[in-house]
Amino acid sequence: MTERDKKQPVYVISVVAEMLGVHPQTLRMYEREGFVIPRRTKRLRLYSEEDVERLNFVLSLTKELGVNKAGVDIILRMRHRGEALQHEMEEMMRLLDEDMKHDFEERIRRIFQEEE
């Protein structure tokens, strides 16, 4: 499945609720909290595969790990920042020449070893 396919809204709320084993009201609450923003066509909410994955992650945090709504919000924002940084790093690595790339990778390795 391509990244574009994962963003395509295809599921209605009742289907997503059944897929995740929750009540549709739970999904509406998560939408009010801003954890997921399904597309709308008139009064119909349409969820993408990416939305379903995000909701599944939120459910794991709340049900399995006992994280409250404020904690979920913080985790989702940190996760988003981490993904953005990862994309930025990948782009930087693509632009570096080979010698610079090896030097940069070594520096990153040393930074992570110092943290341990």
C-alpha atoms as a PDB file:
ATOM      1  CA  MET A   1       0.000   0.000   0.000  1.00  0.00           C
ATOM      2  CA  THR A   2       1.442   3.357  -0.995  1.00  0.00           C
ATOM      3  CA  GLU A   3       1.523   6.426   1.241  1.00  0.00           C
ATOM      4  CA  ARG A   4      -1.127   7.994  -0.961  1.00  0.00           C
ATOM      5  CA  ASP A   5      -3.427   4.972  -0.578  1.00  0.00           C
ATOM      6  CA  LYS A   6      -3.090   5.137   3.225  1.00  0.00           C
ATOM      7  CA  LYS A   7      -4.403   8.713   3.183  1.00  0.00           C
ATOM      8  CA  GLN A   8      -7.425   7.923   1.009  1.00  0.00           C
ATOM      9  CA  PRO A   9     -10.611   8.170   3.125  1.00  0.00           C
ATOM     10  CA  VAL A  10     -12.593   4.975   2.660  1.00  0.00           C
ATOM     11  CA  TYR A  11     -14.128   3.805   5.962  1.00  0.00           C
ATOM     12  CA  VAL A  12     -17.291   5.105   7.634  1.00  0.00           C
ATOM     13  CA  ILE A  13     -17.375   5.440  11.415  1.00  0.00           C
ATOM     14  CA  SER A  14     -19.361   2.238  12.031  1.00  0.00           C
ATOM     15  CA  VAL A  15     -16.823   0.167  10.100  1.00  0.00           C
ATOM     16  CA  VAL A  16     -13.858   1.729  11.929  1.00  0.00           C
ATOM     17  CA  ALA A  17     -15.566   1.227  15.291  1.00  0.00           C
ATOM     18  CA  GLU A  18     -16.100  -2.441  14.471  1.00  0.00           C
ATOM     19  CA  MET A  19     -12.520  -2.844  13.186  1.00  0.00           C
ATOM     20  CA  LEU A  20     -11.133  -1.424  16.439  1.00  0.00           C
ATOM     21  CA  GLY A  21     -13.693  -2.955  18.774  1.00  0.00           C
ATOM     22  CA  VAL A  22     -14.943   0.338  20.192  1.00  0.00           C
ATOM     23  CA  HIS A  23     -18.201   2.287  20.218  1.00  0.00           C
ATOM     24  CA  PRO A  24     -18.570   4.978  17.532  1.00  0.00           C
ATOM     25  CA  GLN A  25     -18.942   7.517  20.350  1.00  0.00           C
ATOM     26  CA  THR A  26     -15.328   6.758  21.349  1.00  0.00           C
ATOM     27  CA  LEU A  27     -14.205   7.742  17.856  1.00  0.00           C
ATOM     28  CA  ARG A  28     -16.262  10.930  18.018  1.00  0.00           C
ATOM     29  CA  MET A  29     -14.628  11.767  21.360  1.00  0.00           C
ATOM     30  CA  TYR A  30     -11.146  11.196  19.889  1.00  0.00           C
ATOM     31  CA  GLU A  31     -12.094  13.505  17.040  1.00  0.00           C
ATOM     32  CA  ARG A  32     -13.215  16.212  19.516  1.00  0.00           C
ATOM     33  CA  GLU A  33      -9.881  15.807  21.324  1.00  0.00           C
ATOM     34  CA  GLY A  34      -8.077  16.324  18.000  1.00  0.00           C
ATOM     35  CA  PHE A  35      -6.404  12.897  18.005  1.00  0.00           C
ATOM     36  CA  VAL A  36      -7.791  12.182  14.540  1.00  0.00           C
ATOM     37  CA  ILE A  37      -9.476  14.355  11.926  1.00  0.00           C
ATOM     38  CA  PRO A  38     -11.517  12.262   9.504  1.00  0.00           C
ATOM     39  CA  ARG A  39     -12.609  13.774   6.222  1.00  0.00           C
ATOM     40  CA  ARG A  40     -16.213  14.857   5.967  1.00  0.00           C
ATOM     41  CA  THR A  41     -18.696  14.585   3.149  1.00  0.00           C
ATOM     42  CA  LYS A  42     -21.854  16.299   4.309  1.00  0.00           C
ATOM     43  CA  ARG A  43     -22.541  14.592   7.664  1.00  0.00           C
ATOM     44  CA  LEU A  44     -20.521  11.464   6.933  1.00  0.00           C
ATOM     45  CA  ARG A  45     -17.108  10.899   8.549  1.00  0.00           C
ATOM     46  CA  LEU A  46     -14.657   9.056   6.311  1.00  0.00           C
ATOM     47  CA  TYR A  47     -11.522   7.530   7.816  1.00  0.00           C
ATOM     48  CA  SER A  48      -8.362   6.567   5.941  1.00  0.00           C
ATOM     49  CA  GLU A  49      -6.083   3.623   6.694  1.00  0.00           C
ATOM     50  CA  GLU A  50      -3.699   6.146   8.246  1.00  0.00           C
ATOM     51  CA  ASP A  51      -6.519   7.372  10.523  1.00  0.00           C
ATOM     52  CA  VAL A  52      -7.281   3.801  11.585  1.00  0.00           C
ATOM     53  CA  GLU A  53      -3.610   3.176  12.416  1.00  0.00           C
ATOM     54  CA  ARG A  54      -3.484   6.376  14.457  1.00  0.00           C
ATOM     55  CA  LEU A  55      -6.677   5.450  16.318  1.00  0.00           C
ATOM     56  CA  ASN A  56      -5.301   2.001  17.024  1.00  0.00           C
ATOM     57  CA  PHE A  57      -2.178   3.621  18.492  1.00  0.00           C
ATOM     58  CA  VAL A  58      -4.325   5.934  20.654  1.00  0.00           C
ATOM     59  CA  LEU A  59      -6.354   2.963  21.866  1.00  0.00           C
ATOM     60  CA  SER A  60      -3.153   1.109  22.754  1.00  0.00           C
ATOM     61  CA  LEU A  61      -1.945   4.087  24.754  1.00  0.00           C
ATOM     62  CA  THR A  62      -5.203   4.529  26.645  1.00  0.00           C
ATOM     63  CA  LYS A  63      -6.374   0.962  27.160  1.00  0.00           C
ATOM     64  CA  GLU A  64      -3.139  -1.007  27.434  1.00  0.00           C
ATOM     65  CA  LEU A  65      -0.840   1.590  28.974  1.00  0.00           C
ATOM     66  CA  GLY A  66      -3.353   3.704  30.905  1.00  0.00           C
ATOM     67  CA  VAL A  67      -2.250   6.997  29.359  1.00  0.00           C
ATOM     68  CA  ASN A  68      -4.729   9.847  29.896  1.00  0.00           C
ATOM     69  CA  LYS A  69      -5.911  12.245  27.169  1.00  0.00           C
ATOM     70  CA  ALA A  70      -3.296  14.887  27.974  1.00  0.00           C
ATOM     71  CA  GLY A  71      -0.579  12.242  27.799  1.00  0.00           C
ATOM     72  CA  VAL A  72      -1.893  10.960  24.467  1.00  0.00           C
ATOM     73  CA  ASP A  73      -1.820  14.493  23.086  1.00  0.00           C
ATOM     74  CA  ILE A  74       1.801  14.970  24.165  1.00  0.00           C
ATOM     75  CA  ILE A  75       2.849  11.572  22.785  1.00  0.00           C
ATOM     76  CA  LEU A  76       1.151  12.232  19.439  1.00  0.00           C
ATOM     77  CA  ARG A  77       2.827  15.635  19.123  1.00  0.00           C
ATOM     78  CA  MET A  78       6.245  14.165  20.015  1.00  0.00           C
ATOM     79  CA  ARG A  79       5.706  11.339  17.549  1.00  0.00           C
ATOM     80  CA  HIS A  80       4.831  13.846  14.828  1.00  0.00           C
ATOM     81  CA  ARG A  81       7.972  15.887  15.577  1.00  0.00           C
ATOM     82  CA  GLY A  82      10.093  12.738  15.530  1.00  0.00           C
ATOM     83  CA  GLU A  83       8.687  11.729  12.142  1.00  0.00           C
ATOM     84  CA  ALA A  84       9.325  15.234  10.784  1.00  0.00           C
ATOM     85  CA  LEU A  85      12.915  15.120  12.051  1.00  0.00           C
ATOM     86  CA  GLN A  86      13.394  11.670  10.523  1.00  0.00           C
ATOM     87  CA  HIS A  87      12.224  12.947   7.128  1.00  0.00           C
ATOM     88  CA  GLU A  88      14.508  15.967   7.445  1.00  0.00           C
ATOM     89  CA  MET A  89      17.480  13.722   8.296  1.00  0.00           C
ATOM     90  CA  GLU A  90      16.740  11.479   5.318  1.00  0.00           C
ATOM     91  CA  GLU A  91      16.631  14.503   3.043  1.00  0.00           C
ATOM     92  CA  MET A  92      19.902  15.842   4.456  1.00  0.00           C
ATOM     93  CA  MET A  93      21.570  12.451   4.000  1.00  0.00           C
ATOM     94  CA  ARG A  94      20.388  12.330   0.404  1.00  0.00           C
ATOM     95  CA  LEU A  95      22.010  15.697  -0.271  1.00  0.00           C
ATOM     96  CA  LEU A  96      25.355  14.998   1.405  1.00  0.00           C
ATOM     97  CA  ASP A  97      28.225  13.621  -0.611  1.00  0.00           C
ATOM     98  CA  GLU A  98      29.641  10.224   0.447  1.00  0.00           C
ATOM     99  CA  ASP A  99      32.558  11.520   2.572  1.00  0.00           C
ATOM    100  CA  MET A 100      30.363  13.962   4.403  1.00  0.00           C
ATOM    101  CA  LYS A 101      27.687  11.294   4.823  1.00  0.00           C
ATOM    102  CA  HIS A 102      30.088   8.872   6.550  1.00  0.00           C
ATOM    103  CA  ASP A 103      31.387  11.638   8.828  1.00  0.00           C
ATOM    104  CA  PHE A 104      27.844  12.674   9.716  1.00  0.00           C
ATOM    105  CA  GLU A 105      26.769   9.074  10.436  1.00  0.00           C
ATOM    106  CA  GLU A 106      29.783   8.619  12.723  1.00  0.00           C
ATOM    107  CA  ARG A 107      28.940  11.790  14.637  1.00  0.00           C
ATOM    108  CA  ILE A 108      25.342  10.649  15.115  1.00  0.00           C
ATOM    109  CA  ARG A 109      26.563   7.224  16.312  1.00  0.00           C
ATOM    110  CA  ARG A 110      28.840   8.878  18.890  1.00  0.00           C
ATOM    111  CA  ILE A 111      26.013  11.088  20.157  1.00  0.00           C
ATOM    112  CA  PHE A 112      23.779   8.080  20.742  1.00  0.00           C
ATOM    113  CA  GLN A 113      26.582   6.131  22.424  1.00  0.00           C
ATOM    114  CA  GLU A 114      27.173   9.015  24.829  1.00  0.00           C
ATOM    115  CA  GLU A 115      23.509   8.919  25.869  1.00  0.00           C
ATOM    116  CA  GLU A 116      23.713   5.266  26.915  1.00  0.00           C
END
